[in-house]
Amino acid sequence: MAKKKHAQNSIYWRNKADKEVSKYYKGQPCAVCGTTYQTCGHHIVERSLSAYLRHHILNLIALCPNHHKFSNDLAAHSKNPLAVKAWAAWLEANWPTSYELLEVYKHFRGEKVDYEYNYNSWKEMNENPETQP
């Protein structure tokens, strides 16, 4: 029974940290086009692939809906494979550190994460903009 309680606690803090990340990226300029319309934080290494990188600032980038999903020219989650390939090329050219993170950690699994710490870190950044990286 204690194991389930720990898992629920972890999910609770993970979800709270997710909300702080969303809050941080809402209204940030899209890294590709600069619009602030409905921007959100895109995970460079997918959340499902690496819990460790889920809330890491180098693994997140502000994207508008167009460049996140809907563009057929350049979008991280487009249904068009050429748009996804263009996204990877754009990321490599414009955000090389994050691109390297993707290449190195895309198969990094099984690590323990302190989601409560992640939540508190993002909450601090949202409440005190001067602490932002």
N, C-alpha and C. Protein backbone atom coordinates (compact mmCIF):
# COMPACT_ATOMS: atom_id res chain seq x y z
N MET A 1 0.82 -1.20 0.00
CA MET A 1 0.00 0.00 0.00
C MET A 1 0.86 1.27 0.00
N ALA A 2 1.98 1.26 0.72
CA ALA A 2 2.85 2.43 0.78
C ALA A 2 3.41 2.76 -0.59
N LYS A 3 3.67 1.75 -1.41
CA LYS A 3 4.22 1.98 -2.73
C LYS A 3 3.25 2.78 -3.60
N LYS A 4 1.96 2.44 -3.51
CA LYS A 4 0.95 3.15 -4.27
C LYS A 4 0.87 4.61 -3.82
N LYS A 5 0.94 4.84 -2.51
CA LYS A 5 0.89 6.20 -1.98
C LYS A 5 2.07 7.01 -2.52
N HIS A 6 3.26 6.40 -2.58
CA HIS A 6 4.43 7.09 -3.12
C HIS A 6 4.22 7.43 -4.60
N ALA A 7 3.67 6.50 -5.35
CA ALA A 7 3.42 6.73 -6.77
C ALA A 7 2.42 7.87 -6.95
N GLN A 8 1.37 7.90 -6.15
CA GLN A 8 0.39 8.97 -6.25
C GLN A 8 1.04 10.31 -5.89
N ASN A 9 1.89 10.32 -4.91
CA ASN A 9 2.59 11.53 -4.51
C ASN A 9 3.46 12.03 -5.66
N SER A 10 4.15 11.13 -6.31
CA SER A 10 5.00 11.48 -7.44
C SER A 10 4.17 12.06 -8.59
N ILE A 11 3.03 11.45 -8.87
CA ILE A 11 2.15 11.94 -9.93
C ILE A 11 1.60 13.32 -9.56
N TYR A 12 1.27 13.49 -8.31
CA TYR A 12 0.78 14.79 -7.84
C TYR A 12 1.80 15.89 -8.12
N TRP A 13 3.06 15.68 -7.74
CA TRP A 13 4.10 16.70 -7.93
C TRP A 13 4.47 16.84 -9.40
N ARG A 14 4.45 15.75 -10.15
CA ARG A 14 4.72 15.83 -11.59
C ARG A 14 3.67 16.73 -12.26
N ASN A 15 2.40 16.51 -11.93
CA ASN A 15 1.34 17.32 -12.53
C ASN A 15 1.42 18.78 -12.12
N LYS A 16 1.78 19.04 -10.87
CA LYS A 16 1.96 20.43 -10.42
C LYS A 16 3.13 21.09 -11.16
N ALA A 17 4.22 20.35 -11.35
CA ALA A 17 5.36 20.89 -12.09
C ALA A 17 4.98 21.15 -13.55
N ASP A 18 4.20 20.23 -14.14
CA ASP A 18 3.72 20.43 -15.52
C ASP A 18 2.96 21.75 -15.64
N LYS A 19 2.11 22.05 -14.66
CA LYS A 19 1.33 23.30 -14.70
C LYS A 19 2.23 24.52 -14.61
N GLU A 20 3.28 24.44 -13.80
CA GLU A 20 4.21 25.57 -13.70
C GLU A 20 4.98 25.77 -15.00
N VAL A 21 5.35 24.68 -15.65
CA VAL A 21 6.03 24.78 -16.94
C VAL A 21 5.10 25.44 -17.95
N SER A 22 3.85 24.98 -18.00
CA SER A 22 2.87 25.57 -18.92
C SER A 22 2.69 27.06 -18.66
N LYS A 23 2.61 27.41 -17.40
CA LYS A 23 2.46 28.81 -17.01
C LYS A 23 3.66 29.64 -17.49
N TYR A 24 4.84 29.07 -17.36
CA TYR A 24 6.07 29.77 -17.76
C TYR A 24 6.10 30.06 -19.26
N TYR A 25 5.68 29.09 -20.06
CA TYR A 25 5.79 29.24 -21.52
C TYR A 25 4.59 29.92 -22.16
N LYS A 26 3.49 30.04 -21.44
CA LYS A 26 2.31 30.70 -21.99
C LYS A 26 2.64 32.16 -22.29
N GLY A 27 2.47 32.55 -23.54
CA GLY A 27 2.74 33.93 -23.93
C GLY A 27 4.18 34.25 -24.26
N GLN A 28 5.08 33.26 -24.10
CA GLN A 28 6.47 33.47 -24.52
C GLN A 28 6.52 33.50 -26.05
N PRO A 29 7.44 34.23 -26.65
CA PRO A 29 7.50 34.24 -28.11
C PRO A 29 7.93 32.88 -28.67
N CYS A 30 7.28 32.49 -29.74
CA CYS A 30 7.64 31.24 -30.43
C CYS A 30 9.10 31.36 -30.88
N ALA A 31 9.87 30.34 -30.61
CA ALA A 31 11.30 30.36 -30.97
C ALA A 31 11.51 30.44 -32.48
N VAL A 32 10.54 29.99 -33.25
CA VAL A 32 10.68 29.97 -34.71
C VAL A 32 10.24 31.29 -35.32
N CYS A 33 9.02 31.74 -34.98
CA CYS A 33 8.46 32.91 -35.68
C CYS A 33 8.27 34.14 -34.80
N GLY A 34 8.32 33.98 -33.49
CA GLY A 34 8.22 35.13 -32.58
C GLY A 34 6.82 35.48 -32.11
N THR A 35 5.80 34.84 -32.65
CA THR A 35 4.45 35.15 -32.19
C THR A 35 4.27 34.69 -30.74
N THR A 36 3.39 35.37 -30.03
CA THR A 36 3.09 34.97 -28.64
C THR A 36 1.71 34.34 -28.55
N TYR A 37 1.05 34.13 -29.67
CA TYR A 37 -0.30 33.58 -29.70
C TYR A 37 -0.30 32.11 -29.33
N GLN A 38 -0.92 31.79 -28.20
CA GLN A 38 -1.12 30.43 -27.71
C GLN A 38 0.16 29.58 -27.68
N THR A 39 1.27 30.20 -27.30
CA THR A 39 2.52 29.43 -27.23
C THR A 39 2.51 28.51 -26.03
N CYS A 40 3.29 27.45 -26.14
CA CYS A 40 3.42 26.49 -25.06
C CYS A 40 4.85 25.95 -25.07
N GLY A 41 5.20 25.22 -24.04
CA GLY A 41 6.53 24.62 -23.97
C GLY A 41 6.54 23.27 -24.68
N HIS A 42 7.36 23.16 -25.70
CA HIS A 42 7.51 21.90 -26.42
C HIS A 42 8.68 21.13 -25.82
N HIS A 43 8.47 19.84 -25.57
CA HIS A 43 9.54 18.97 -25.07
C HIS A 43 10.37 18.47 -26.25
N ILE A 44 11.63 18.78 -26.25
CA ILE A 44 12.51 18.34 -27.33
C ILE A 44 12.69 16.83 -27.26
N VAL A 45 13.06 16.33 -26.09
CA VAL A 45 13.04 14.88 -25.86
C VAL A 45 11.67 14.60 -25.26
N GLU A 46 10.89 13.76 -25.90
CA GLU A 46 9.52 13.52 -25.49
C GLU A 46 9.40 13.16 -24.01
N ARG A 47 8.33 13.63 -23.40
CA ARG A 47 8.08 13.35 -21.99
C ARG A 47 8.05 11.85 -21.72
N SER A 48 7.49 11.10 -22.65
CA SER A 48 7.37 9.66 -22.45
C SER A 48 8.72 8.94 -22.52
N LEU A 49 9.71 9.57 -23.13
CA LEU A 49 11.02 8.94 -23.27
C LEU A 49 11.94 9.19 -22.10
N SER A 50 11.78 10.34 -21.45
CA SER A 50 12.71 10.66 -20.37
C SER A 50 12.04 11.49 -19.28
N ALA A 51 11.74 10.85 -18.18
CA ALA A 51 11.18 11.56 -17.03
C ALA A 51 12.19 12.57 -16.49
N TYR A 52 13.46 12.23 -16.56
CA TYR A 52 14.51 13.10 -16.04
C TYR A 52 14.50 14.46 -16.75
N LEU A 53 14.23 14.46 -18.05
CA LEU A 53 14.27 15.70 -18.83
C LEU A 53 12.92 16.40 -18.93
N ARG A 54 11.89 15.82 -18.36
CA ARG A 54 10.53 16.34 -18.50
C ARG A 54 10.44 17.83 -18.17
N HIS A 55 11.11 18.27 -17.12
CA HIS A 55 11.03 19.66 -16.68
C HIS A 55 12.36 20.40 -16.81
N HIS A 56 13.30 19.84 -17.53
CA HIS A 56 14.61 20.47 -17.68
C HIS A 56 14.51 21.60 -18.71
N ILE A 57 15.00 22.78 -18.36
CA ILE A 57 14.83 23.95 -19.22
C ILE A 57 15.50 23.80 -20.58
N LEU A 58 16.57 23.02 -20.67
CA LEU A 58 17.19 22.79 -21.98
C LEU A 58 16.36 21.87 -22.86
N ASN A 59 15.39 21.19 -22.25
CA ASN A 59 14.54 20.28 -23.01
C ASN A 59 13.22 20.94 -23.41
N LEU A 60 13.06 22.20 -23.13
CA LEU A 60 11.82 22.89 -23.45
C LEU A 60 12.09 24.11 -24.31
N ILE A 61 11.16 24.36 -25.23
CA ILE A 61 11.28 25.50 -26.12
C ILE A 61 9.87 26.01 -26.40
N ALA A 62 9.70 27.32 -26.43
CA ALA A 62 8.39 27.91 -26.70
C ALA A 62 8.06 27.78 -28.18
N LEU A 63 6.89 27.22 -28.46
CA LEU A 63 6.41 27.10 -29.83
C LEU A 63 4.95 27.50 -29.92
N CYS A 64 4.60 28.14 -31.03
CA CYS A 64 3.21 28.46 -31.32
C CYS A 64 2.54 27.18 -31.85
N PRO A 65 1.21 27.14 -31.91
CA PRO A 65 0.54 25.94 -32.41
C PRO A 65 0.99 25.53 -33.81
N ASN A 66 1.25 26.53 -34.65
CA ASN A 66 1.68 26.24 -36.02
C ASN A 66 2.99 25.46 -36.05
N HIS A 67 3.99 25.93 -35.31
CA HIS A 67 5.30 25.27 -35.31
C HIS A 67 5.37 24.09 -34.35
N HIS A 68 4.39 23.97 -33.50
CA HIS A 68 4.34 22.81 -32.62
C HIS A 68 3.74 21.61 -33.35
N LYS A 69 2.66 21.87 -34.13
CA LYS A 69 1.94 20.72 -34.69
C LYS A 69 1.40 20.92 -36.09
N PHE A 70 0.96 22.10 -36.45
CA PHE A 70 0.08 22.23 -37.61
C PHE A 70 0.74 22.62 -38.93
N SER A 71 1.95 23.12 -38.92
CA SER A 71 2.58 23.52 -40.17
C SER A 71 3.01 22.30 -40.98
N ASN A 72 2.88 22.40 -42.28
CA ASN A 72 3.38 21.35 -43.17
C ASN A 72 4.79 21.66 -43.64
N ASP A 73 5.32 22.82 -43.21
CA ASP A 73 6.68 23.21 -43.59
C ASP A 73 7.70 22.92 -42.49
N LEU A 74 7.34 23.27 -41.25
CA LEU A 74 8.27 23.09 -40.13
C LEU A 74 7.44 22.99 -38.85
N ALA A 75 7.34 21.81 -38.29
CA ALA A 75 6.60 21.61 -37.05
C ALA A 75 7.11 20.36 -36.35
N ALA A 76 7.24 20.47 -35.04
CA ALA A 76 7.79 19.37 -34.25
C ALA A 76 6.93 18.11 -34.28
N HIS A 77 5.61 18.28 -34.29
CA HIS A 77 4.70 17.14 -34.25
C HIS A 77 3.78 17.09 -35.47
N SER A 78 4.23 17.57 -36.59
CA SER A 78 3.41 17.57 -37.80
C SER A 78 3.15 16.14 -38.26
N LYS A 79 2.05 15.96 -38.98
CA LYS A 79 1.77 14.67 -39.61
C LYS A 79 2.61 14.50 -40.87
N ASN A 80 3.19 15.59 -41.33
CA ASN A 80 4.05 15.57 -42.51
C ASN A 80 5.49 15.29 -42.07
N PRO A 81 6.06 14.15 -42.46
CA PRO A 81 7.43 13.82 -42.02
C PRO A 81 8.47 14.83 -42.49
N LEU A 82 8.23 15.50 -43.60
CA LEU A 82 9.19 16.51 -44.07
C LEU A 82 9.20 17.73 -43.14
N ALA A 83 8.04 18.05 -42.57
CA ALA A 83 7.97 19.17 -41.63
C ALA A 83 8.72 18.82 -40.34
N VAL A 84 8.63 17.57 -39.92
CA VAL A 84 9.35 17.13 -38.71
C VAL A 84 10.85 17.12 -38.97
N LYS A 85 11.24 16.69 -40.16
CA LYS A 85 12.66 16.71 -40.53
C LYS A 85 13.18 18.15 -40.59
N ALA A 86 12.36 19.05 -41.13
CA ALA A 86 12.74 20.48 -41.18
C ALA A 86 12.86 21.04 -39.76
N TRP A 87 11.99 20.59 -38.85
CA TRP A 87 12.06 21.01 -37.46
C TRP A 87 13.40 20.59 -36.85
N ALA A 88 13.79 19.35 -37.06
CA ALA A 88 15.06 18.85 -36.50
C ALA A 88 16.24 19.65 -37.06
N ALA A 89 16.20 19.96 -38.35
CA ALA A 89 17.28 20.75 -38.95
C ALA A 89 17.30 22.16 -38.38
N TRP A 90 16.10 22.74 -38.19
CA TRP A 90 16.02 24.08 -37.60
C TRP A 90 16.58 24.06 -36.18
N LEU A 91 16.19 23.06 -35.41
CA LEU A 91 16.65 22.95 -34.02
C LEU A 91 18.17 22.82 -33.97
N GLU A 92 18.73 21.97 -34.82
CA GLU A 92 20.18 21.80 -34.85
C GLU A 92 20.89 23.10 -35.18
N ALA A 93 20.35 23.88 -36.12
CA ALA A 93 20.99 25.12 -36.55
C ALA A 93 20.81 26.26 -35.53
N ASN A 94 19.66 26.29 -34.84
CA ASN A 94 19.33 27.43 -34.00
C ASN A 94 19.45 27.19 -32.50
N TRP A 95 19.31 25.96 -32.07
CA TRP A 95 19.41 25.60 -30.66
C TRP A 95 20.31 24.36 -30.53
N PRO A 96 21.58 24.48 -30.89
CA PRO A 96 22.45 23.29 -30.94
C PRO A 96 22.60 22.56 -29.61
N THR A 97 22.57 23.27 -28.50
CA THR A 97 22.69 22.60 -27.20
C THR A 97 21.49 21.69 -26.95
N SER A 98 20.31 22.18 -27.26
CA SER A 98 19.11 21.37 -27.09
C SER A 98 19.06 20.23 -28.09
N TYR A 99 19.56 20.47 -29.29
CA TYR A 99 19.62 19.40 -30.29
C TYR A 99 20.55 18.28 -29.81
N GLU A 100 21.68 18.66 -29.25
CA GLU A 100 22.62 17.66 -28.71
C GLU A 100 21.97 16.89 -27.57
N LEU A 101 21.20 17.58 -26.74
CA LEU A 101 20.47 16.93 -25.66
C LEU A 101 19.55 15.85 -26.23
N LEU A 102 18.86 16.19 -27.31
CA LEU A 102 17.98 15.23 -27.95
C LEU A 102 18.76 14.01 -28.42
N GLU A 103 19.87 14.24 -29.06
CA GLU A 103 20.66 13.13 -29.59
C GLU A 103 21.24 12.25 -28.49
N VAL A 104 21.66 12.86 -27.40
CA VAL A 104 22.30 12.11 -26.32
C VAL A 104 21.28 11.39 -25.44
N TYR A 105 20.18 12.07 -25.11
CA TYR A 105 19.27 11.55 -24.09
C TYR A 105 17.97 10.96 -24.61
N LYS A 106 17.80 10.84 -25.91
CA LYS A 106 16.50 10.37 -26.40
C LYS A 106 16.17 8.95 -25.97
N HIS A 107 17.16 8.20 -25.50
CA HIS A 107 16.90 6.85 -25.03
C HIS A 107 17.24 6.67 -23.55
N PHE A 108 17.35 7.76 -22.81
CA PHE A 108 17.71 7.75 -21.40
C PHE A 108 16.46 7.51 -20.58
N ARG A 109 16.36 6.34 -19.96
CA ARG A 109 15.15 5.97 -19.22
C ARG A 109 15.50 5.42 -17.84
N GLY A 110 14.46 5.27 -17.03
CA GLY A 110 14.59 4.56 -15.78
C GLY A 110 15.12 5.36 -14.61
N GLU A 111 15.28 6.65 -14.77
CA GLU A 111 15.84 7.45 -13.71
C GLU A 111 14.76 7.92 -12.74
N LYS A 112 15.13 8.12 -11.50
CA LYS A 112 14.23 8.65 -10.48
C LYS A 112 14.22 10.18 -10.60
N VAL A 113 13.05 10.76 -10.40
CA VAL A 113 12.90 12.20 -10.54
C VAL A 113 12.24 12.76 -9.29
N ASP A 114 12.76 13.89 -8.82
CA ASP A 114 12.15 14.59 -7.70
C ASP A 114 11.22 15.66 -8.27
N TYR A 115 9.98 15.28 -8.53
CA TYR A 115 9.03 16.20 -9.14
C TYR A 115 8.67 17.37 -8.23
N GLU A 116 8.70 17.15 -6.93
CA GLU A 116 8.42 18.25 -6.01
C GLU A 116 9.50 19.33 -6.16
N TYR A 117 10.74 18.92 -6.28
CA TYR A 117 11.83 19.87 -6.51
C TYR A 117 11.62 20.61 -7.83
N ASN A 118 11.25 19.88 -8.89
CA ASN A 118 10.99 20.50 -10.19
C ASN A 118 9.88 21.54 -10.09
N TYR A 119 8.80 21.15 -9.41
CA TYR A 119 7.68 22.08 -9.22
C TYR A 119 8.15 23.35 -8.53
N ASN A 120 8.87 23.21 -7.43
CA ASN A 120 9.32 24.39 -6.69
C ASN A 120 10.26 25.26 -7.50
N SER A 121 11.11 24.65 -8.32
CA SER A 121 12.03 25.42 -9.17
C SER A 121 11.27 26.26 -10.20
N TRP A 122 10.29 25.63 -10.87
CA TRP A 122 9.51 26.35 -11.88
C TRP A 122 8.63 27.40 -11.23
N LYS A 123 8.07 27.09 -10.09
CA LYS A 123 7.24 28.07 -9.37
C LYS A 123 8.07 29.30 -9.02
N GLU A 124 9.29 29.09 -8.58
CA GLU A 124 10.19 30.20 -8.26
C GLU A 124 10.47 31.05 -9.50
N MET A 125 10.70 30.40 -10.63
CA MET A 125 10.96 31.16 -11.86
C MET A 125 9.73 31.96 -12.28
N ASN A 126 8.54 31.40 -12.09
CA ASN A 126 7.32 32.13 -12.45
C ASN A 126 7.05 33.29 -11.51
N GLU A 127 7.38 33.13 -10.25
CA GLU A 127 7.11 34.17 -9.27
C GLU A 127 8.19 35.25 -9.24
N ASN A 128 9.41 34.89 -9.62
CA ASN A 128 10.53 35.83 -9.60
C ASN A 128 11.23 35.83 -10.95
N PRO A 129 10.74 36.62 -11.89
CA PRO A 129 11.32 36.60 -13.24
C PRO A 129 12.82 36.87 -13.29
N GLU A 130 13.35 37.57 -12.27
CA GLU A 130 14.80 37.86 -12.28
C GLU A 130 15.63 36.59 -12.07
N THR A 131 15.00 35.49 -11.63
CA THR A 131 15.74 34.25 -11.43
C THR A 131 15.74 33.38 -12.68
N GLN A 132 15.07 33.83 -13.74
CA GLN A 132 15.00 33.05 -14.96
C GLN A 132 16.35 33.00 -15.64
N PRO A 133 16.65 31.84 -16.24
CA PRO A 133 17.94 31.68 -16.91
C PRO A 133 18.06 32.51 -18.17
